[in-house]
Amino acid sequence: MRYKVLILFVFLYAFTFASSQKDSVALENDYVKVMRQSSIGFSEDNSIFDTRIIVALSNTKIEFNHFQKNLKRGDVSVYQSTERYKIIEGDFFEISIKSNHPKVKSPETWIEPLKNKVIYENNEFRIFEERLDPGDTRELHSHSQRLVVRLNEVQLTDPRFHPNGTPGGGIQVPNSVKFAEPITHVVKNLSKIPLFNIIIEFKTQQK
């Protein structure tokens, strides 16, 4: 009887853990896996996942190499596949780059975007703060495939086509992620607060 109870307990625990992990997946495709307030853990094969990126949505504490790192909303911390860390508390996204992802797609022409701040860069991708003041415009520029972490609720438009935006269009929903395809466009911030996104943009030969 006790043996059966133990088996049932193990089964329920495994089911609950698997369900919570599934519920924590904010986005997954061939390039990235994004968790919300959860980690894929270090039992995963390092051949599947490479660099891991923490983007804080609130005050977040991370333990790494016996030291504690404190992040505030919008801060980013980057770890290699072999580096172990523990998130003590906070609301965050964990973005894991897949090692054998497909070739990165890029626009036909490349125009470097201005008014952004690069905060991390390696041979595969760069991370930058995408900021734009209220009413300001970022002139014609390009992006390759990228993950967008939205932090402020603002409305964006391409003023070449919709100077005043469209009803409900271009809304940046806070605390959400989107995997975006290559584009060359113009962006205007129609809102009264600044745009603030964290962008993880894959590099191509054009960059």
C-alpha atoms as a PDB file:
ATOM      1  CA  MET A   1       0.000   0.000   0.000  1.00  0.00           C
ATOM      2  CA  ARG A   2       2.751   2.430   0.961  1.00  0.00           C
ATOM      3  CA  TYR A   3       4.566   1.537  -2.275  1.00  0.00           C
ATOM      4  CA  LYS A   4       1.476   2.420  -4.323  1.00  0.00           C
ATOM      5  CA  VAL A   5       1.061   5.709  -2.431  1.00  0.00           C
ATOM      6  CA  LEU A   6       4.715   6.557  -3.104  1.00  0.00           C
ATOM      7  CA  ILE A   7       4.312   5.844  -6.817  1.00  0.00           C
ATOM      8  CA  LEU A   8       1.178   7.994  -6.922  1.00  0.00           C
ATOM      9  CA  PHE A   9       2.987  10.843  -5.121  1.00  0.00           C
ATOM     10  CA  VAL A  10       5.911  10.702  -7.571  1.00  0.00           C
ATOM     11  CA  PHE A  11       3.524  10.670 -10.525  1.00  0.00           C
ATOM     12  CA  LEU A  12       1.548  13.656  -9.234  1.00  0.00           C
ATOM     13  CA  TYR A  13       4.744  15.594  -8.508  1.00  0.00           C
ATOM     14  CA  ALA A  14       6.112  14.907 -11.988  1.00  0.00           C
ATOM     15  CA  PHE A  15       2.791  15.849 -13.595  1.00  0.00           C
ATOM     16  CA  THR A  16       2.558  19.072 -11.596  1.00  0.00           C
ATOM     17  CA  PHE A  17       6.158  20.005 -12.405  1.00  0.00           C
ATOM     18  CA  ALA A  18       5.681  19.297 -16.103  1.00  0.00           C
ATOM     19  CA  SER A  19       2.459  21.300 -16.180  1.00  0.00           C
ATOM     20  CA  SER A  20       4.065  24.264 -14.405  1.00  0.00           C
ATOM     21  CA  GLN A  21       6.999  24.169 -16.840  1.00  0.00           C
ATOM     22  CA  LYS A  22       4.621  24.109 -19.804  1.00  0.00           C
ATOM     23  CA  ASP A  23       2.600  26.993 -18.379  1.00  0.00           C
ATOM     24  CA  SER A  24       5.815  28.984 -17.878  1.00  0.00           C
ATOM     25  CA  VAL A  25       6.795  28.887 -21.554  1.00  0.00           C
ATOM     26  CA  ALA A  26       6.089  32.360 -22.915  1.00  0.00           C
ATOM     27  CA  LEU A  27       7.362  31.627 -26.431  1.00  0.00           C
ATOM     28  CA  GLU A  28       9.268  28.899 -28.240  1.00  0.00           C
ATOM     29  CA  ASN A  29      10.384  28.457 -31.831  1.00  0.00           C
ATOM     30  CA  ASP A  30      13.425  27.118 -33.715  1.00  0.00           C
ATOM     31  CA  TYR A  31      15.591  29.992 -32.444  1.00  0.00           C
ATOM     32  CA  VAL A  32      14.721  30.555 -28.790  1.00  0.00           C
ATOM     33  CA  LYS A  33      12.850  29.261 -25.778  1.00  0.00           C
ATOM     34  CA  VAL A  34      11.463  31.921 -23.442  1.00  0.00           C
ATOM     35  CA  MET A  35      10.348  31.156 -19.880  1.00  0.00           C
ATOM     36  CA  ARG A  36       8.406  33.500 -17.579  1.00  0.00           C
ATOM     37  CA  GLN A  37       9.374  33.344 -13.884  1.00  0.00           C
ATOM     38  CA  SER A  38      10.939  29.952 -14.456  1.00  0.00           C
ATOM     39  CA  SER A  39      14.154  28.396 -15.775  1.00  0.00           C
ATOM     40  CA  ILE A  40      14.747  25.506 -18.149  1.00  0.00           C
ATOM     41  CA  GLY A  41      17.271  24.235 -15.605  1.00  0.00           C
ATOM     42  CA  PHE A  42      20.725  22.830 -16.122  1.00  0.00           C
ATOM     43  CA  SER A  43      19.724  19.218 -16.739  1.00  0.00           C
ATOM     44  CA  GLU A  44      18.925  20.238 -20.305  1.00  0.00           C
ATOM     45  CA  ASP A  45      21.510  19.128 -22.883  1.00  0.00           C
ATOM     46  CA  ASN A  46      23.960  21.951 -23.605  1.00  0.00           C
ATOM     47  CA  SER A  47      23.891  20.926 -27.254  1.00  0.00           C
ATOM     48  CA  ILE A  48      20.283  22.174 -27.385  1.00  0.00           C
ATOM     49  CA  PHE A  49      20.659  25.528 -25.622  1.00  0.00           C
ATOM     50  CA  ASP A  50      23.508  27.997 -25.753  1.00  0.00           C
ATOM     51  CA  THR A  51      23.533  31.488 -24.197  1.00  0.00           C
ATOM     52  CA  ARG A  52      20.856  32.347 -21.649  1.00  0.00           C
ATOM     53  CA  ILE A  53      19.597  35.869 -21.046  1.00  0.00           C
ATOM     54  CA  ILE A  54      17.654  37.133 -18.041  1.00  0.00           C
ATOM     55  CA  VAL A  55      15.518  40.243 -18.585  1.00  0.00           C
ATOM     56  CA  ALA A  56      14.125  41.587 -15.314  1.00  0.00           C
ATOM     57  CA  LEU A  57      10.479  42.698 -15.195  1.00  0.00           C
ATOM     58  CA  SER A  58      10.736  43.678 -11.523  1.00  0.00           C
ATOM     59  CA  ASN A  59      13.465  43.776  -8.878  1.00  0.00           C
ATOM     60  CA  THR A  60      15.193  40.424  -9.420  1.00  0.00           C
ATOM     61  CA  LYS A  61      17.926  38.738  -7.382  1.00  0.00           C
ATOM     62  CA  ILE A  62      20.324  36.254  -9.010  1.00  0.00           C
ATOM     63  CA  GLU A  63      22.968  34.159  -7.271  1.00  0.00           C
ATOM     64  CA  PHE A  64      26.034  33.527  -9.423  1.00  0.00           C
ATOM     65  CA  ASN A  65      29.494  32.358  -8.306  1.00  0.00           C
ATOM     66  CA  HIS A  66      28.488  32.823  -4.646  1.00  0.00           C
ATOM     67  CA  PHE A  67      27.635  36.486  -5.237  1.00  0.00           C
ATOM     68  CA  GLN A  68      24.203  38.091  -5.452  1.00  0.00           C
ATOM     69  CA  LYS A  69      23.324  40.299  -8.389  1.00  0.00           C
ATOM     70  CA  ASN A  70      20.385  42.697  -8.136  1.00  0.00           C
ATOM     71  CA  LEU A  71      18.531  43.679 -11.289  1.00  0.00           C
ATOM     72  CA  LYS A  72      15.850  46.301 -11.692  1.00  0.00           C
ATOM     73  CA  ARG A  73      13.125  46.368 -14.337  1.00  0.00           C
ATOM     74  CA  GLY A  74      14.698  46.381 -17.789  1.00  0.00           C
ATOM     75  CA  ASP A  75      18.125  45.181 -16.638  1.00  0.00           C
ATOM     76  CA  VAL A  76      19.737  42.276 -18.476  1.00  0.00           C
ATOM     77  CA  SER A  77      22.134  39.563 -17.339  1.00  0.00           C
ATOM     78  CA  VAL A  78      23.807  37.138 -19.784  1.00  0.00           C
ATOM     79  CA  TYR A  79      25.138  33.633 -19.017  1.00  0.00           C
ATOM     80  CA  GLN A  80      26.920  31.045 -21.124  1.00  0.00           C
ATOM     81  CA  SER A  81      25.555  27.510 -21.396  1.00  0.00           C
ATOM     82  CA  THR A  82      28.011  26.128 -18.809  1.00  0.00           C
ATOM     83  CA  GLU A  83      27.459  28.873 -16.240  1.00  0.00           C
ATOM     84  CA  ARG A  84      25.130  28.005 -13.381  1.00  0.00           C
ATOM     85  CA  TYR A  85      22.998  30.606 -11.671  1.00  0.00           C
ATOM     86  CA  LYS A  86      20.026  30.638  -9.345  1.00  0.00           C
ATOM     87  CA  ILE A  87      17.217  33.173  -9.442  1.00  0.00           C
ATOM     88  CA  ILE A  88      16.250  33.883  -5.839  1.00  0.00           C
ATOM     89  CA  GLU A  89      13.269  36.141  -6.453  1.00  0.00           C
ATOM     90  CA  GLY A  90      11.685  38.486  -8.943  1.00  0.00           C
ATOM     91  CA  ASP A  91       9.626  38.574 -12.124  1.00  0.00           C
ATOM     92  CA  PHE A  92      11.664  37.935 -15.256  1.00  0.00           C
ATOM     93  CA  PHE A  93      11.991  36.334 -18.663  1.00  0.00           C
ATOM     94  CA  GLU A  94      14.682  33.745 -19.284  1.00  0.00           C
ATOM     95  CA  ILE A  95      15.617  33.622 -22.983  1.00  0.00           C
ATOM     96  CA  SER A  96      17.630  30.570 -24.070  1.00  0.00           C
ATOM     97  CA  ILE A  97      19.246  30.686 -27.499  1.00  0.00           C
ATOM     98  CA  LYS A  98      19.028  27.365 -29.333  1.00  0.00           C
ATOM     99  CA  SER A  99      22.416  26.117 -30.484  1.00  0.00           C
ATOM    100  CA  ASN A 100      21.445  24.676 -33.862  1.00  0.00           C
ATOM    101  CA  HIS A 101      18.862  27.217 -34.935  1.00  0.00           C
ATOM    102  CA  PRO A 102      18.201  27.847 -38.652  1.00  0.00           C
ATOM    103  CA  LYS A 103      20.067  30.436 -40.657  1.00  0.00           C
ATOM    104  CA  VAL A 104      19.075  33.945 -39.615  1.00  0.00           C
ATOM    105  CA  LYS A 105      16.888  35.859 -42.049  1.00  0.00           C
ATOM    106  CA  SER A 106      17.725  39.469 -42.897  1.00  0.00           C
ATOM    107  CA  PRO A 107      16.143  42.283 -44.933  1.00  0.00           C
ATOM    108  CA  GLU A 108      17.290  42.894 -48.509  1.00  0.00           C
ATOM    109  CA  THR A 109      18.954  46.159 -47.514  1.00  0.00           C
ATOM    110  CA  TRP A 110      20.553  47.104 -44.203  1.00  0.00           C
ATOM    111  CA  ILE A 111      20.237  50.552 -42.595  1.00  0.00           C
ATOM    112  CA  GLU A 112      21.570  50.746 -39.037  1.00  0.00           C
ATOM    113  CA  PRO A 113      18.921  51.910 -36.513  1.00  0.00           C
ATOM    114  CA  LEU A 114      19.807  55.011 -34.528  1.00  0.00           C
ATOM    115  CA  LYS A 115      18.912  56.164 -30.979  1.00  0.00           C
ATOM    116  CA  ASN A 116      19.389  52.677 -29.468  1.00  0.00           C
ATOM    117  CA  LYS A 117      21.911  51.626 -26.818  1.00  0.00           C
ATOM    118  CA  VAL A 118      23.769  48.331 -27.287  1.00  0.00           C
ATOM    119  CA  ILE A 119      24.267  46.678 -23.873  1.00  0.00           C
ATOM    120  CA  TYR A 120      25.703  43.295 -24.933  1.00  0.00           C
ATOM    121  CA  GLU A 121      27.164  41.868 -28.109  1.00  0.00           C
ATOM    122  CA  ASN A 122      28.853  38.676 -29.298  1.00  0.00           C
ATOM    123  CA  ASN A 123      29.381  36.991 -32.663  1.00  0.00           C
ATOM    124  CA  GLU A 124      25.827  35.677 -32.861  1.00  0.00           C
ATOM    125  CA  PHE A 125      23.551  38.426 -31.551  1.00  0.00           C
ATOM    126  CA  ARG A 126      23.409  41.795 -29.875  1.00  0.00           C
ATOM    127  CA  ILE A 127      21.149  43.094 -27.141  1.00  0.00           C
ATOM    128  CA  PHE A 128      20.061  46.709 -27.148  1.00  0.00           C
ATOM    129  CA  GLU A 129      17.663  49.003 -25.373  1.00  0.00           C
ATOM    130  CA  GLU A 130      15.135  50.229 -27.907  1.00  0.00           C
ATOM    131  CA  ARG A 131      14.098  53.671 -26.736  1.00  0.00           C
ATOM    132  CA  LEU A 132      12.133  56.441 -28.411  1.00  0.00           C
ATOM    133  CA  ASP A 133      10.830  59.609 -26.741  1.00  0.00           C
ATOM    134  CA  PRO A 134       7.148  60.580 -26.952  1.00  0.00           C
ATOM    135  CA  GLY A 135       6.388  61.983 -30.390  1.00  0.00           C
ATOM    136  CA  ASP A 136       9.859  61.117 -31.695  1.00  0.00           C
ATOM    137  CA  THR A 137      10.573  59.252 -34.932  1.00  0.00           C
ATOM    138  CA  ARG A 138      13.274  56.719 -35.775  1.00  0.00           C
ATOM    139  CA  GLU A 139      14.042  57.250 -39.433  1.00  0.00           C
ATOM    140  CA  LEU A 140      14.293  54.454 -41.995  1.00  0.00           C
ATOM    141  CA  HIS A 141      16.208  51.511 -40.495  1.00  0.00           C
ATOM    142  CA  SER A 142      16.475  47.730 -40.646  1.00  0.00           C
ATOM    143  CA  HIS A 143      16.165  44.722 -38.354  1.00  0.00           C
ATOM    144  CA  SER A 144      16.996  41.053 -38.800  1.00  0.00           C
ATOM    145  CA  GLN A 145      15.090  38.346 -36.923  1.00  0.00           C
ATOM    146  CA  ARG A 146      14.882  39.273 -33.255  1.00  0.00           C
ATOM    147  CA  LEU A 147      13.151  38.761 -29.945  1.00  0.00           C
ATOM    148  CA  VAL A 148      11.371  41.809 -28.531  1.00  0.00           C
ATOM    149  CA  VAL A 149      10.731  42.152 -24.782  1.00  0.00           C
ATOM    150  CA  ARG A 150       8.171  44.925 -24.289  1.00  0.00           C
ATOM    151  CA  LEU A 151       8.328  47.000 -21.113  1.00  0.00           C
ATOM    152  CA  ASN A 152       6.234  50.151 -21.688  1.00  0.00           C
ATOM    153  CA  GLU A 153       2.736  50.405 -23.137  1.00  0.00           C
ATOM    154  CA  VAL A 154       3.061  52.717 -26.112  1.00  0.00           C
ATOM    155  CA  GLN A 155       1.586  52.920 -29.602  1.00  0.00           C
ATOM    156  CA  LEU A 156       3.915  52.860 -32.596  1.00  0.00           C
ATOM    157  CA  THR A 157       3.271  53.588 -36.248  1.00  0.00           C
ATOM    158  CA  ASP A 158       5.093  53.881 -39.549  1.00  0.00           C
ATOM    159  CA  PRO A 159       4.218  57.508 -40.382  1.00  0.00           C
ATOM    160  CA  ARG A 160       4.812  56.922 -44.082  1.00  0.00           C
ATOM    161  CA  PHE A 161       1.582  54.938 -44.187  1.00  0.00           C
ATOM    162  CA  HIS A 162      -0.386  55.809 -41.018  1.00  0.00           C
ATOM    163  CA  PRO A 163       0.764  59.176 -39.569  1.00  0.00           C
ATOM    164  CA  ASN A 164      -1.754  58.964 -36.713  1.00  0.00           C
ATOM    165  CA  GLY A 165      -1.692  55.202 -36.308  1.00  0.00           C
ATOM    166  CA  THR A 166      -4.639  52.855 -36.631  1.00  0.00           C
ATOM    167  CA  PRO A 167      -7.223  52.026 -33.921  1.00  0.00           C
ATOM    168  CA  GLY A 168      -5.604  49.477 -31.615  1.00  0.00           C
ATOM    169  CA  GLY A 169      -2.641  49.020 -33.970  1.00  0.00           C
ATOM    170  CA  GLY A 170       1.032  49.070 -33.014  1.00  0.00           C
ATOM    171  CA  ILE A 171       0.398  48.665 -29.276  1.00  0.00           C
ATOM    172  CA  GLN A 172       3.385  47.448 -27.265  1.00  0.00           C
ATOM    173  CA  VAL A 173       1.889  45.270 -24.499  1.00  0.00           C
ATOM    174  CA  PRO A 174       4.037  45.444 -21.336  1.00  0.00           C
ATOM    175  CA  ASN A 175       5.634  42.263 -19.970  1.00  0.00           C
ATOM    176  CA  SER A 176       5.196  40.400 -23.247  1.00  0.00           C
ATOM    177  CA  VAL A 177       7.568  38.926 -25.838  1.00  0.00           C
ATOM    178  CA  LYS A 178       7.400  38.705 -29.610  1.00  0.00           C
ATOM    179  CA  PHE A 179       9.648  37.071 -32.183  1.00  0.00           C
ATOM    180  CA  ALA A 180       9.787  39.488 -35.114  1.00  0.00           C
ATOM    181  CA  GLU A 181      10.757  38.885 -38.724  1.00  0.00           C
ATOM    182  CA  PRO A 182      13.146  41.048 -40.803  1.00  0.00           C
ATOM    183  CA  ILE A 183      11.938  44.509 -41.718  1.00  0.00           C
ATOM    184  CA  THR A 184      13.046  47.908 -42.963  1.00  0.00           C
ATOM    185  CA  HIS A 185      10.736  50.639 -41.699  1.00  0.00           C
ATOM    186  CA  VAL A 186      10.195  53.997 -40.009  1.00  0.00           C
ATOM    187  CA  VAL A 187       8.830  54.123 -36.448  1.00  0.00           C
ATOM    188  CA  LYS A 188       7.100  56.957 -34.586  1.00  0.00           C
ATOM    189  CA  ASN A 189       6.069  56.892 -30.913  1.00  0.00           C
ATOM    190  CA  LEU A 190       2.510  58.240 -30.696  1.00  0.00           C
ATOM    191  CA  SER A 191       2.283  57.963 -26.899  1.00  0.00           C
ATOM    192  CA  LYS A 192       3.033  60.362 -24.044  1.00  0.00           C
ATOM    193  CA  ILE A 193       5.605  58.074 -22.455  1.00  0.00           C
ATOM    194  CA  PRO A 194       8.890  56.722 -23.903  1.00  0.00           C
ATOM    195  CA  LEU A 195       9.158  53.484 -25.815  1.00  0.00           C
ATOM    196  CA  PHE A 196      11.268  50.979 -23.864  1.00  0.00           C
ATOM    197  CA  ASN A 197      11.940  47.530 -25.291  1.00  0.00           C
ATOM    198  CA  ILE A 198      14.803  45.084 -24.876  1.00  0.00           C
ATOM    199  CA  ILE A 199      15.789  43.631 -28.245  1.00  0.00           C
ATOM    200  CA  ILE A 200      17.822  40.461 -28.784  1.00  0.00           C
ATOM    201  CA  GLU A 201      18.707  40.709 -32.475  1.00  0.00           C
ATOM    202  CA  PHE A 202      20.464  37.943 -34.379  1.00  0.00           C
ATOM    203  CA  LYS A 203      23.413  38.982 -36.503  1.00  0.00           C
ATOM    204  CA  THR A 204      23.726  38.389 -40.227  1.00  0.00           C
ATOM    205  CA  GLN A 205      26.484  38.962 -42.759  1.00  0.00           C
ATOM    206  CA  GLN A 206      24.944  42.348 -43.506  1.00  0.00           C
ATOM    207  CA  LYS A 207      25.670  43.623 -39.997  1.00  0.00           C
END
